[in-house]
Amino acid sequence: MRSASLLLLPFLLLFLSQANAQTSDSTTWQLVISADGSLAQARHESGAVAVNGKLYLLGGRAVRNVQMFDPAAKTWTDLGPMPLELHHFQPVVIDESIYLIGSFTCCYPVETLVPDIHVFNTQTQTWSVQGSMPASRTRGSAAAIVRDGKIYVLGGNTQGHSGGAVAWFDEYDPATGEWIELADAPNARDHFAAVLVNDYLVAAAGRQTSQPNPFKNAVLPTDVYDFVAGQWQSADAIPTPRAGALAGAAGDEIIVAGGEINTSTTALSEVEAFNPYSGKWRALQPLAIARHSGGGVVMNGEFHVLAGSLNTGGAPETSAHETLALNEIKSLDFDADGLSNLDERMVHATNPGNADSDFDDLNDAQEINEYMSNPLAADSDGDGIADGIEINAWNTDPNRSDTDNDGLDDYEESYTHGTNPLLIDTDNDQLDDQAELTLHMTDPANSDTDSDGISDGQEVQNGMDPLDSDSDDDGIPDGQDEFPNGGEPATPVEGETPVTSQNSGGHVSLLLLAALLVGRLSRTRLKRVNVTTNLFIN
């Protein structure tokens, strides 16, 4: 009962952990009205970021202004025009500068690729070009995130709305200008936003745009890049297929809002959240105003969604601004296994989203701290029995394949021979289990293999055959034979009681009778000898 309670506890704690570290699915979106009547500029295929507590809206079809929203004053301020028409990008921030990488310029359906990296300094409110994408990896409609001062560029396409979707994944170091090609994502996609949650990059939604219907070919799988492990994995498909969605991180989750799809002539209002620890999606409250391809950014505990297009395609554009209150608490121990997420990721390499990383019925903390077994291997000692079964069913050592050191591994004893993996001599017949199996061919789980009333160990010690109930072939079972080996009586093994007949008195009487007969016969013979002798003398 104690083990059952231990098994249930992690799942209870897991539920509580998830419930306390996610945005409520009953919270509704709130429209934002400026204090002075100022508005975001209506636009689509744009982007938004937060810098020092201010929201910046940039780009879009045609040359648009850079705008800044001050949430404290609730006002919009124009900061001047973009250096050129730039759209289909995901802006990122390093220090106080905004970087635009992987943009298009100009015109549908074969938009021009922009290799240059355009940077907006929010302090001086000036633009500059700081390097460019490698010619062989230039694309637009790409997603970008920042981690540890480096920019990671994912996906995009090379032909605008006419094809060329790629799964490329690159690392760019703004300090050195160096580009490094990384492993491709499992799926090529464009018209999407990537989000960094803890050490996971999540790529969700998007499509593989092509003609004649650019709104088809939605990408359903969710791709997750694990920066600690340095590898990609695919998680559950997004429930609502869409492209042009707006995304941001909140606590343990990413939130995806709005978008467009070929099956609808109007933009989507659906909002869904994905947790990279569990790999699962859930639904949140819908947008107040359905839209796609505007700007989305998390700032000051709220997810801001603004601008975009109200219908599939480019028109009409909107300046509407709304927010969703977020729960930004991050789980310290998501799977409630007693190990922190950080330790699981950086020290033990276990899965912080699963209390039992190797599915062996022992949680990771138990394996590491209590049993010293391997939390990444279901069978730490390679004996064929899962660690949890060794502990919970057999009480054997999950780190030793032969717990009782009798030369037989625990699996053989438990499942093949029926012996006790904790005892060297299961049947207590003074013969080791392995010796019985390999040397004497006796049954290690039966102390008297031939059922002759003498234990296997006693028979071996006295030179008898423990597999033959009549060792001397005299017709008398060894256990009833005074001389079962044809010689002297069997010498009992220390601690054992000699086997005797149930009617010992009968044996004594027979012996006495035999002795009397022998004596009488001897006297008769002696008398005959004397008679004969007298005849010769006479």
Protein backbone atom coordinates (compact mmCIF):
# COMPACT_ATOMS: atom_id res chain seq x y z
CA MET A 1 0.00 0.00 0.00
CA ARG A 2 2.93 2.25 0.74
CA SER A 3 4.35 1.83 -2.77
CA ALA A 4 0.93 2.60 -4.30
CA SER A 5 0.81 5.86 -2.36
CA LEU A 6 4.26 6.75 -3.59
CA LEU A 7 3.20 6.09 -7.16
CA LEU A 8 0.12 8.31 -6.84
CA LEU A 9 1.93 11.20 -5.15
CA PRO A 10 3.94 12.39 -8.18
CA PHE A 11 0.80 12.51 -10.35
CA LEU A 12 -1.05 14.55 -7.72
CA LEU A 13 1.84 16.97 -7.42
CA LEU A 14 2.12 17.11 -11.21
CA PHE A 15 -1.51 18.16 -11.46
CA LEU A 16 -1.06 20.84 -8.81
CA SER A 17 2.12 22.09 -10.49
CA GLN A 18 0.40 22.46 -13.85
CA ALA A 19 -2.67 24.08 -12.34
CA ASN A 20 -0.61 26.74 -10.59
CA ALA A 21 1.72 27.58 -13.46
CA GLN A 22 -0.48 28.34 -16.43
CA THR A 23 -2.72 31.10 -17.72
CA SER A 24 -6.37 30.60 -16.86
CA ASP A 25 -8.56 29.27 -19.64
CA SER A 26 -11.41 31.47 -18.40
CA THR A 27 -9.58 34.82 -18.67
CA THR A 28 -10.93 36.98 -21.48
CA TRP A 29 -9.12 39.42 -23.76
CA GLN A 30 -9.44 43.14 -23.03
CA LEU A 31 -9.41 45.91 -25.64
CA VAL A 32 -6.83 48.63 -24.99
CA ILE A 33 -7.90 52.24 -25.50
CA SER A 34 -5.19 54.89 -25.46
CA ALA A 35 -5.42 57.79 -23.03
CA ASP A 36 -5.08 60.46 -25.75
CA GLY A 37 -6.84 58.84 -28.68
CA SER A 38 -3.60 57.77 -30.38
CA LEU A 39 -3.72 54.51 -32.31
CA ALA A 40 -1.46 51.84 -33.63
CA GLN A 41 -1.04 52.23 -37.38
CA ALA A 42 -3.21 49.70 -39.21
CA ARG A 43 -0.91 47.22 -40.95
CA HIS A 44 -0.24 43.52 -41.49
CA GLU A 45 2.79 41.25 -42.02
CA SER A 46 4.41 43.36 -39.29
CA GLY A 47 6.06 42.59 -35.95
CA ALA A 48 6.19 43.79 -32.36
CA VAL A 49 8.72 43.56 -29.48
CA ALA A 50 9.16 44.91 -25.96
CA VAL A 51 12.21 46.94 -24.94
CA ASN A 52 12.61 48.41 -21.44
CA GLY A 53 8.90 48.14 -20.70
CA LYS A 54 7.81 49.82 -23.96
CA LEU A 55 6.11 48.14 -26.91
CA TYR A 56 7.48 48.75 -30.43
CA LEU A 57 5.44 48.07 -33.59
CA LEU A 58 7.44 47.83 -36.83
CA GLY A 59 7.13 47.04 -40.54
CA GLY A 60 4.28 45.76 -42.63
CA ARG A 61 3.25 45.99 -46.27
CA ALA A 62 4.25 49.40 -47.72
CA VAL A 63 6.57 51.75 -45.82
CA ARG A 64 5.21 52.09 -42.28
CA ASN A 65 6.29 54.08 -39.26
CA VAL A 66 8.00 52.68 -36.19
CA GLN A 67 5.63 53.22 -33.28
CA MET A 68 6.12 52.97 -29.53
CA PHE A 69 3.41 52.27 -26.97
CA ASP A 70 3.93 53.36 -23.37
CA PRO A 71 1.70 51.14 -21.18
CA ALA A 72 2.01 53.47 -18.20
CA ALA A 73 0.86 56.55 -20.11
CA LYS A 74 -1.30 54.50 -22.52
CA THR A 75 -0.12 56.50 -25.50
CA TRP A 76 1.28 55.76 -28.96
CA THR A 77 4.23 57.73 -30.36
CA ASP A 78 5.45 57.75 -33.97
CA LEU A 79 9.25 57.37 -34.20
CA GLY A 80 9.63 57.89 -37.95
CA PRO A 81 9.46 55.65 -41.01
CA MET A 82 11.13 52.32 -41.65
CA PRO A 83 14.30 52.52 -43.80
CA LEU A 84 12.44 50.65 -46.55
CA GLU A 85 9.43 48.43 -46.95
CA LEU A 86 10.12 45.41 -44.72
CA HIS A 87 7.59 42.72 -43.88
CA HIS A 88 7.27 39.04 -43.00
CA PHE A 89 9.84 39.06 -40.19
CA GLN A 90 9.96 38.27 -36.46
CA PRO A 91 11.85 41.06 -34.67
CA VAL A 92 14.16 40.23 -31.74
CA VAL A 93 15.91 42.34 -29.11
CA ILE A 94 19.51 42.37 -27.89
CA ASP A 95 20.27 44.95 -25.24
CA GLU A 96 18.37 48.04 -26.45
CA SER A 97 18.42 47.29 -30.18
CA ILE A 98 15.82 45.60 -32.37
CA TYR A 99 17.10 43.22 -35.07
CA LEU A 100 15.17 42.36 -38.25
CA ILE A 101 16.47 39.19 -39.93
CA GLY A 102 14.82 37.17 -42.69
CA SER A 103 12.55 39.83 -44.23
CA PHE A 104 10.78 40.31 -47.54
CA THR A 105 10.31 43.56 -49.38
CA CYS A 106 7.89 44.59 -52.07
CA CYS A 107 5.43 42.67 -53.92
CA TYR A 108 3.14 39.66 -53.95
CA PRO A 109 3.43 36.89 -55.08
CA VAL A 110 7.23 36.68 -55.52
CA GLU A 111 8.50 38.99 -52.79
CA THR A 112 12.16 40.03 -52.83
CA LEU A 113 14.48 38.52 -50.22
CA VAL A 114 16.30 40.97 -47.91
CA PRO A 115 19.71 39.58 -46.90
CA ASP A 116 20.67 42.68 -44.87
CA ILE A 117 20.23 42.69 -41.09
CA HIS A 118 18.47 45.94 -40.21
CA VAL A 119 18.89 47.17 -36.63
CA PHE A 120 16.88 49.86 -34.83
CA ASN A 121 18.52 51.50 -31.81
CA THR A 122 15.71 52.41 -29.42
CA GLN A 123 17.86 54.95 -27.58
CA THR A 124 19.01 56.96 -30.60
CA GLN A 125 15.95 55.96 -32.66
CA THR A 126 18.16 55.36 -35.67
CA TRP A 127 18.53 52.53 -38.19
CA SER A 128 21.69 50.76 -39.34
CA VAL A 129 22.68 47.65 -41.28
CA GLN A 130 24.83 45.24 -39.30
CA GLY A 131 25.84 42.35 -41.49
CA SER A 132 23.77 40.05 -43.67
CA MET A 133 22.52 36.52 -43.98
CA PRO A 134 24.70 34.03 -45.90
CA ALA A 135 23.74 34.08 -49.58
CA SER A 136 22.99 30.35 -49.56
CA ARG A 137 20.70 30.67 -46.52
CA THR A 138 18.84 33.90 -47.29
CA ARG A 139 15.08 33.65 -46.91
CA GLY A 140 12.08 35.66 -45.76
CA SER A 141 9.07 34.91 -43.56
CA ALA A 142 11.52 33.35 -41.13
CA ALA A 143 11.13 33.11 -37.37
CA ALA A 144 13.77 34.31 -34.90
CA ILE A 145 14.48 34.10 -31.18
CA VAL A 146 17.35 35.22 -28.91
CA ARG A 147 19.17 32.98 -26.45
CA ASP A 148 22.33 33.87 -24.55
CA GLY A 149 23.06 36.85 -26.78
CA LYS A 150 22.79 34.90 -30.03
CA ILE A 151 20.01 35.01 -32.61
CA TYR A 152 18.52 31.78 -33.91
CA VAL A 153 16.76 31.93 -37.29
CA LEU A 154 14.36 29.16 -38.26
CA GLY A 155 12.40 28.24 -41.37
CA GLY A 156 11.07 30.72 -43.90
CA ASN A 157 10.94 30.47 -47.67
CA THR A 158 12.97 31.58 -50.66
CA GLN A 159 10.18 32.52 -53.10
CA GLY A 160 7.74 34.65 -51.15
CA HIS A 161 4.22 33.37 -51.76
CA SER A 162 5.36 31.16 -54.64
CA GLY A 163 7.14 28.37 -52.76
CA GLY A 164 10.55 27.47 -51.42
CA ALA A 165 9.66 26.71 -47.79
CA VAL A 166 12.73 25.54 -45.85
CA ALA A 167 13.47 23.84 -42.53
CA TRP A 168 16.81 25.63 -42.09
CA PHE A 169 18.01 26.45 -38.60
CA ASP A 170 20.92 28.87 -38.10
CA GLU A 171 22.76 30.57 -35.27
CA TYR A 172 23.96 34.16 -35.65
CA ASP A 173 26.35 35.92 -33.26
CA PRO A 174 25.89 39.71 -33.53
CA ALA A 175 29.14 40.28 -31.64
CA THR A 176 31.26 38.48 -34.25
CA GLY A 177 28.99 38.38 -37.31
CA GLU A 178 29.50 34.60 -37.46
CA TRP A 179 26.80 32.29 -38.82
CA ILE A 180 26.58 28.59 -37.94
CA GLU A 181 24.31 26.10 -39.70
CA LEU A 182 22.44 23.85 -37.28
CA ALA A 183 20.36 20.72 -37.78
CA ASP A 184 17.22 21.29 -39.87
CA ALA A 185 13.87 21.27 -38.11
CA PRO A 186 11.63 18.24 -38.73
CA ASN A 187 9.26 20.40 -40.81
CA ALA A 188 9.74 23.23 -43.28
CA ARG A 189 7.39 26.16 -42.58
CA ASP A 190 6.88 29.90 -43.15
CA HIS A 191 4.38 32.47 -41.87
CA PHE A 192 4.89 31.49 -38.23
CA ALA A 193 6.51 32.73 -35.02
CA ALA A 194 9.01 30.79 -32.91
CA VAL A 195 9.00 31.09 -29.13
CA LEU A 196 11.64 30.30 -26.50
CA VAL A 197 10.32 28.68 -23.29
CA ASN A 198 13.10 27.98 -20.82
CA ASP A 199 15.56 25.93 -22.91
CA TYR A 200 13.05 24.89 -25.56
CA LEU A 201 12.47 26.60 -28.90
CA VAL A 202 8.93 25.89 -30.06
CA ALA A 203 7.88 26.18 -33.71
CA ALA A 204 4.12 25.93 -34.10
CA ALA A 205 1.57 26.64 -36.84
CA GLY A 206 2.64 28.18 -40.15
CA ARG A 207 2.42 26.69 -43.61
CA GLN A 208 4.41 25.81 -46.71
CA THR A 209 3.27 28.65 -48.95
CA SER A 210 2.92 28.05 -52.68
CA GLN A 211 0.69 28.92 -55.62
CA PRO A 212 -2.06 28.79 -56.75
CA ASN A 213 -3.57 28.79 -53.24
CA PRO A 214 -1.02 30.23 -50.79
CA PHE A 215 -3.29 29.64 -47.78
CA LYS A 216 -3.18 25.85 -48.07
CA ASN A 217 -0.53 23.44 -46.80
CA ALA A 218 -0.79 24.28 -43.11
CA VAL A 219 1.92 22.60 -40.99
CA LEU A 220 0.29 20.67 -38.17
CA PRO A 221 3.17 19.11 -36.15
CA THR A 222 4.73 21.12 -33.36
CA ASP A 223 8.54 21.07 -33.54
CA VAL A 224 10.56 21.55 -30.36
CA TYR A 225 14.31 22.17 -30.26
CA ASP A 226 15.97 21.21 -26.99
CA PHE A 227 18.98 23.48 -26.55
CA VAL A 228 20.38 21.38 -23.71
CA ALA A 229 20.23 18.11 -25.65
CA GLY A 230 20.92 19.86 -28.97
CA GLN A 231 18.21 18.00 -30.86
CA TRP A 232 14.75 18.34 -32.39
CA GLN A 233 11.63 16.44 -31.49
CA SER A 234 8.04 16.61 -32.68
CA ALA A 235 5.14 17.03 -30.26
CA ASP A 236 1.35 17.00 -30.62
CA ALA A 237 -0.16 18.74 -33.63
CA ILE A 238 -1.64 22.17 -33.09
CA PRO A 239 -5.43 21.75 -32.64
CA THR A 240 -6.31 24.65 -34.98
CA PRO A 241 -4.27 24.66 -38.22
CA ARG A 242 -3.28 28.21 -39.11
CA ALA A 243 -0.59 30.53 -40.48
CA GLY A 244 0.14 34.14 -39.64
CA ALA A 245 -0.60 33.53 -35.95
CA LEU A 246 0.84 35.70 -33.17
CA ALA A 247 2.79 33.98 -30.42
CA GLY A 248 4.49 34.63 -27.10
CA ALA A 249 5.78 32.86 -23.97
CA ALA A 250 3.97 32.78 -20.63
CA GLY A 251 5.35 30.75 -17.75
CA ASP A 252 5.82 27.18 -18.94
CA GLU A 253 3.77 27.69 -22.10
CA ILE A 254 3.68 29.38 -25.47
CA ILE A 255 0.44 31.03 -26.52
CA VAL A 256 -0.65 31.13 -30.17
CA ALA A 257 -3.41 33.56 -31.16
CA GLY A 258 -5.34 34.21 -34.36
CA GLY A 259 -4.13 33.37 -37.85
CA GLU A 260 -5.57 32.48 -41.25
CA ILE A 261 -6.40 29.29 -43.11
CA ASN A 262 -7.68 28.41 -46.59
CA THR A 263 -10.96 27.04 -45.21
CA SER A 264 -12.04 30.45 -43.91
CA THR A 265 -12.36 33.82 -45.66
CA THR A 266 -12.06 35.63 -42.34
CA ALA A 267 -9.21 35.63 -39.87
CA LEU A 268 -9.25 33.23 -36.92
CA SER A 269 -9.88 34.13 -33.29
CA GLU A 270 -8.81 30.80 -31.72
CA VAL A 271 -6.16 30.96 -28.98
CA GLU A 272 -4.27 27.88 -27.81
CA ALA A 273 -1.43 27.20 -25.38
CA PHE A 274 1.33 24.60 -25.67
CA ASN A 275 3.51 23.22 -22.87
CA PRO A 276 6.86 21.79 -24.02
CA TYR A 277 7.24 19.79 -20.80
CA SER A 278 4.03 17.82 -21.35
CA GLY A 279 3.96 18.19 -25.14
CA LYS A 280 0.25 19.01 -24.97
CA TRP A 281 -2.02 21.79 -26.23
CA ARG A 282 -5.05 23.35 -24.53
CA ALA A 283 -7.59 26.00 -25.50
CA LEU A 284 -7.80 29.52 -24.07
CA GLN A 285 -10.40 32.23 -24.55
CA PRO A 286 -10.61 33.55 -28.17
CA LEU A 287 -9.44 36.96 -29.32
CA ALA A 288 -11.92 39.80 -29.03
CA ILE A 289 -11.09 40.71 -32.65
CA ALA A 290 -10.04 37.92 -35.02
CA ARG A 291 -6.90 38.78 -36.98
CA HIS A 292 -3.68 37.48 -38.48
CA SER A 293 -0.17 38.75 -39.26
CA GLY A 294 -0.07 41.77 -36.95
CA GLY A 295 2.16 42.07 -33.90
CA GLY A 296 2.22 39.97 -30.74
CA VAL A 297 4.42 40.46 -27.69
CA VAL A 298 4.45 39.55 -24.00
CA MET A 299 5.11 42.51 -21.73
CA ASN A 300 4.42 43.29 -18.07
CA GLY A 301 2.37 40.16 -17.47
CA GLU A 302 0.16 40.62 -20.52
CA PHE A 303 0.08 39.25 -24.05
CA HIS A 304 -0.41 42.23 -26.40
CA VAL A 305 -1.94 41.56 -29.83
CA LEU A 306 -2.29 44.48 -32.21
CA ALA A 307 -2.74 45.44 -35.87
CA GLY A 308 -3.06 42.70 -38.52
CA SER A 309 -5.66 41.84 -41.14
CA LEU A 310 -9.27 40.92 -40.45
CA ASN A 311 -9.74 38.66 -43.47
CA THR A 312 -7.71 35.95 -45.14
CA GLY A 313 -5.13 37.80 -47.21
CA GLY A 314 -4.26 41.49 -46.82
CA ALA A 315 -7.40 43.52 -46.25
CA PRO A 316 -8.93 45.08 -44.34
CA GLU A 317 -6.11 46.00 -41.96
CA THR A 318 -6.83 46.93 -38.34
CA SER A 319 -5.26 49.08 -35.64
CA ALA A 320 -7.11 47.26 -32.80
CA HIS A 321 -5.09 46.49 -29.68
CA GLU A 322 -6.05 43.91 -27.04
CA THR A 323 -4.38 42.10 -24.16
CA LEU A 324 -4.66 38.86 -22.19
CA ALA A 325 -3.59 38.72 -18.53
CA LEU A 326 -1.00 35.97 -18.11
CA ASN A 327 0.27 33.70 -15.40
CA GLU A 328 4.03 33.88 -15.91
CA ILE A 329 5.03 31.61 -13.04
CA LYS A 330 7.56 29.03 -14.16
CA SER A 331 7.54 25.59 -12.55
CA LEU A 332 10.69 24.83 -10.58
CA ASP A 333 9.84 21.10 -10.63
CA PHE A 334 7.25 20.56 -13.34
CA ASP A 335 6.89 16.81 -12.94
CA ALA A 336 7.03 16.97 -9.11
CA ASP A 337 9.56 14.15 -8.89
CA GLY A 338 11.70 15.90 -6.28
CA LEU A 339 14.32 17.10 -8.77
CA SER A 340 14.32 20.67 -10.03
CA ASN A 341 13.84 21.30 -13.74
CA LEU A 342 17.31 22.83 -13.86
CA ASP A 343 18.97 19.81 -12.22
CA GLU A 344 17.08 17.43 -14.47
CA ARG A 345 18.22 19.33 -17.54
CA MET A 346 21.78 20.25 -16.61
CA VAL A 347 22.90 17.58 -14.13
CA HIS A 348 20.96 14.36 -14.63
CA ALA A 349 19.78 14.69 -18.26
CA THR A 350 16.38 13.38 -17.17
CA ASN A 351 13.05 14.57 -18.53
CA PRO A 352 11.65 17.42 -16.39
CA GLY A 353 8.24 16.74 -17.90
CA ASN A 354 8.07 13.10 -16.77
CA ALA A 355 8.65 11.98 -13.18
CA ASP A 356 9.80 8.58 -14.48
CA SER A 357 12.09 9.32 -17.41
CA ASP A 358 12.82 5.68 -18.23
CA PHE A 359 9.30 4.33 -17.52
CA ASP A 360 10.51 1.71 -15.04
CA ASP A 361 8.01 2.52 -12.25
CA LEU A 362 10.57 4.36 -10.13
CA ASN A 363 10.56 8.14 -10.18
CA ASP A 364 13.79 9.89 -11.10
CA ALA A 365 14.55 11.18 -7.59
CA GLN A 366 14.11 7.69 -6.10
CA GLU A 367 16.54 6.25 -8.62
CA ILE A 368 19.15 8.96 -8.09
CA ASN A 369 18.92 9.51 -4.34
CA GLU A 370 17.60 6.26 -2.88
CA TYR A 371 18.52 3.33 -5.09
CA MET A 372 21.48 4.79 -7.01
CA SER A 373 20.09 3.26 -10.18
CA ASN A 374 20.14 4.84 -13.63
CA PRO A 375 17.07 7.07 -14.20
CA LEU A 376 17.68 6.91 -17.95
CA ALA A 377 17.77 3.10 -18.18
CA ALA A 378 14.74 1.01 -17.29
CA ASP A 379 17.01 -1.92 -16.44
CA SER A 380 20.12 -0.47 -14.80
CA ASP A 381 21.94 -3.78 -14.27
CA GLY A 382 20.87 -5.35 -17.56
CA ASP A 383 19.45 -8.48 -15.94
CA GLY A 384 16.20 -8.35 -17.88
CA ILE A 385 14.06 -7.03 -15.00
CA ALA A 386 12.97 -3.38 -14.90
CA ASP A 387 14.33 -1.47 -11.92
CA GLY A 388 10.85 -0.83 -10.53
CA ILE A 389 9.97 -4.52 -10.63
CA GLU A 390 13.23 -5.41 -8.92
CA ILE A 391 12.42 -3.00 -6.08
CA ASN A 392 8.67 -3.45 -5.82
CA ALA A 393 8.20 -7.12 -6.67
CA TRP A 394 11.43 -8.94 -5.84
CA ASN A 395 13.30 -6.58 -3.49
CA THR A 396 16.44 -7.29 -5.50
CA ASP A 397 19.22 -4.81 -6.19
CA PRO A 398 18.58 -2.91 -9.47
CA ASN A 399 22.31 -2.27 -9.77
CA ARG A 400 23.41 -5.91 -9.45
CA SER A 401 22.30 -8.55 -11.91
CA ASP A 402 23.00 -11.30 -9.36
CA THR A 403 21.78 -9.94 -6.04
CA ASP A 404 22.63 -13.03 -3.95
CA ASN A 405 25.92 -13.60 -5.78
CA ASP A 406 25.16 -17.26 -6.48
CA GLY A 407 26.19 -17.18 -10.12
CA LEU A 408 22.62 -16.99 -11.41
CA ASP A 409 21.25 -13.62 -12.51
CA ASP A 410 18.07 -12.34 -10.91
CA TYR A 411 15.98 -12.87 -14.03
CA GLU A 412 16.96 -16.57 -14.29
CA GLU A 413 16.13 -17.13 -10.65
CA SER A 414 12.85 -15.19 -10.68
CA TYR A 415 11.39 -16.28 -14.01
CA THR A 416 13.25 -19.37 -15.26
CA HIS A 417 14.24 -21.56 -12.31
CA GLY A 418 11.77 -20.45 -9.68
CA THR A 419 14.53 -19.93 -7.14
CA ASN A 420 14.88 -17.08 -4.68
CA PRO A 421 17.16 -14.32 -6.07
CA LEU A 422 17.93 -13.27 -2.50
CA LEU A 423 19.16 -16.72 -1.31
CA ILE A 424 22.23 -18.65 -2.45
CA ASP A 425 20.57 -21.94 -1.38
CA THR A 426 16.86 -21.55 -2.04
CA ASP A 427 15.76 -24.97 -0.76
CA ASN A 428 18.23 -25.03 2.19
CA ASP A 429 19.66 -28.40 1.20
CA GLN A 430 23.30 -27.30 1.68
CA LEU A 431 23.86 -27.08 -2.08
CA ASP A 432 24.14 -23.69 -3.83
CA ASP A 433 21.47 -23.02 -6.46
CA GLN A 434 24.03 -22.77 -9.25
CA ALA A 435 25.75 -26.03 -8.19
CA GLU A 436 22.41 -27.82 -8.24
CA LEU A 437 21.66 -26.57 -11.75
CA THR A 438 25.08 -26.91 -13.39
CA LEU A 439 26.88 -29.65 -11.42
CA HIS A 440 24.33 -31.98 -9.83
CA MET A 441 21.38 -31.34 -12.14
CA THR A 442 19.10 -31.31 -9.10
CA ASP A 443 16.15 -29.02 -8.47
CA PRO A 444 17.37 -25.95 -6.55
CA ALA A 445 13.83 -25.24 -5.39
CA ASN A 446 13.30 -28.76 -4.00
CA SER A 447 15.56 -30.06 -1.22
CA ASP A 448 14.87 -33.72 -2.14
CA THR A 449 14.87 -33.92 -5.92
CA ASP A 450 14.36 -37.72 -6.12
CA SER A 451 11.82 -37.77 -3.25
CA ASP A 452 13.68 -40.55 -1.44
CA GLY A 453 13.55 -38.99 2.00
CA ILE A 454 17.19 -37.83 1.98
CA SER A 455 18.08 -34.26 1.06
CA ASP A 456 20.12 -33.59 -2.06
CA GLY A 457 22.99 -32.18 0.00
CA GLN A 458 23.14 -35.30 2.24
CA GLU A 459 23.10 -37.58 -0.76
CA VAL A 460 25.93 -35.70 -2.47
CA GLN A 461 27.98 -35.67 0.74
CA ASN A 462 27.60 -39.42 1.15
CA GLY A 463 28.35 -40.31 -2.44
CA MET A 464 24.80 -41.17 -3.33
CA ASP A 465 22.89 -40.13 -6.42
CA PRO A 466 20.43 -37.31 -5.59
CA LEU A 467 18.61 -38.04 -8.86
CA ASP A 468 18.03 -41.75 -8.06
CA SER A 469 15.84 -42.73 -5.14
CA ASP A 470 17.58 -46.17 -4.98
CA SER A 471 21.27 -45.35 -5.29
CA ASP A 472 22.54 -48.94 -4.79
CA ASP A 473 19.81 -50.59 -6.85
CA ASP A 474 18.90 -52.96 -4.04
CA GLY A 475 15.21 -52.37 -4.39
CA ILE A 476 15.01 -50.37 -1.21
CA PRO A 477 14.52 -46.53 -1.45
CA ASP A 478 17.51 -44.71 -0.03
CA GLY A 479 15.47 -43.19 2.75
CA GLN A 480 14.45 -46.68 3.96
CA ASP A 481 17.75 -48.43 3.26
CA GLU A 482 20.24 -48.80 6.14
CA PHE A 483 23.04 -49.00 3.59
CA PRO A 484 21.69 -46.84 0.74
CA ASN A 485 25.07 -46.48 -0.95
CA GLY A 486 25.90 -50.18 -0.62
CA GLY A 487 28.41 -49.57 2.17
CA GLU A 488 28.26 -47.94 5.56
CA PRO A 489 25.21 -46.06 6.78
CA ALA A 490 24.84 -42.56 5.37
CA THR A 491 26.48 -39.91 7.51
CA PRO A 492 23.99 -37.13 8.22
CA VAL A 493 24.84 -33.62 7.07
CA GLU A 494 25.41 -31.37 10.05
CA GLY A 495 22.09 -30.08 11.27
CA GLU A 496 20.07 -32.87 9.67
CA THR A 497 18.37 -35.78 11.47
CA PRO A 498 19.42 -39.24 10.22
CA VAL A 499 16.72 -41.04 8.33
CA THR A 500 15.61 -44.25 10.18
CA SER A 501 12.84 -46.78 9.72
CA GLN A 502 9.53 -45.99 11.30
CA ASN A 503 9.62 -49.50 12.94
CA SER A 504 13.10 -49.50 14.43
CA GLY A 505 12.01 -52.12 16.98
CA GLY A 506 11.20 -54.48 14.16
CA HIS A 507 14.72 -54.11 12.78
CA VAL A 508 16.23 -54.95 16.19
CA SER A 509 14.07 -58.10 16.55
CA LEU A 510 15.06 -59.32 13.13
CA LEU A 511 18.71 -58.77 13.86
CA LEU A 512 18.49 -60.72 17.15
CA LEU A 513 16.68 -63.57 15.41
CA ALA A 514 19.36 -63.62 12.72
CA ALA A 515 22.08 -63.75 15.35
CA LEU A 516 20.42 -66.70 17.18
CA LEU A 517 20.04 -68.63 13.97
CA VAL A 518 23.66 -68.04 13.01
CA GLY A 519 24.75 -69.20 16.49
CA ARG A 520 22.67 -72.40 16.39
CA LEU A 521 23.93 -73.25 12.95
CA SER A 522 27.47 -72.73 14.09
CA ARG A 523 27.05 -75.13 17.09
CA THR A 524 25.51 -77.82 14.91
CA ARG A 525 28.40 -77.56 12.45
CA LEU A 526 30.92 -77.72 15.27
CA LYS A 527 29.28 -80.95 16.62
CA ARG A 528 29.49 -82.54 13.20
CA VAL A 529 33.13 -81.68 12.96
CA ASN A 530 33.81 -83.34 16.31
CA VAL A 531 32.02 -86.54 15.25
CA THR A 532 34.07 -86.70 12.10
CA THR A 533 37.28 -86.20 14.01
CA ASN A 534 36.46 -89.05 16.37
CA LEU A 535 35.90 -91.40 13.45
CA PHE A 536 39.33 -90.72 12.03
CA ILE A 537 40.95 -91.23 15.39
CA ASN A 538 39.22 -94.51 16.00
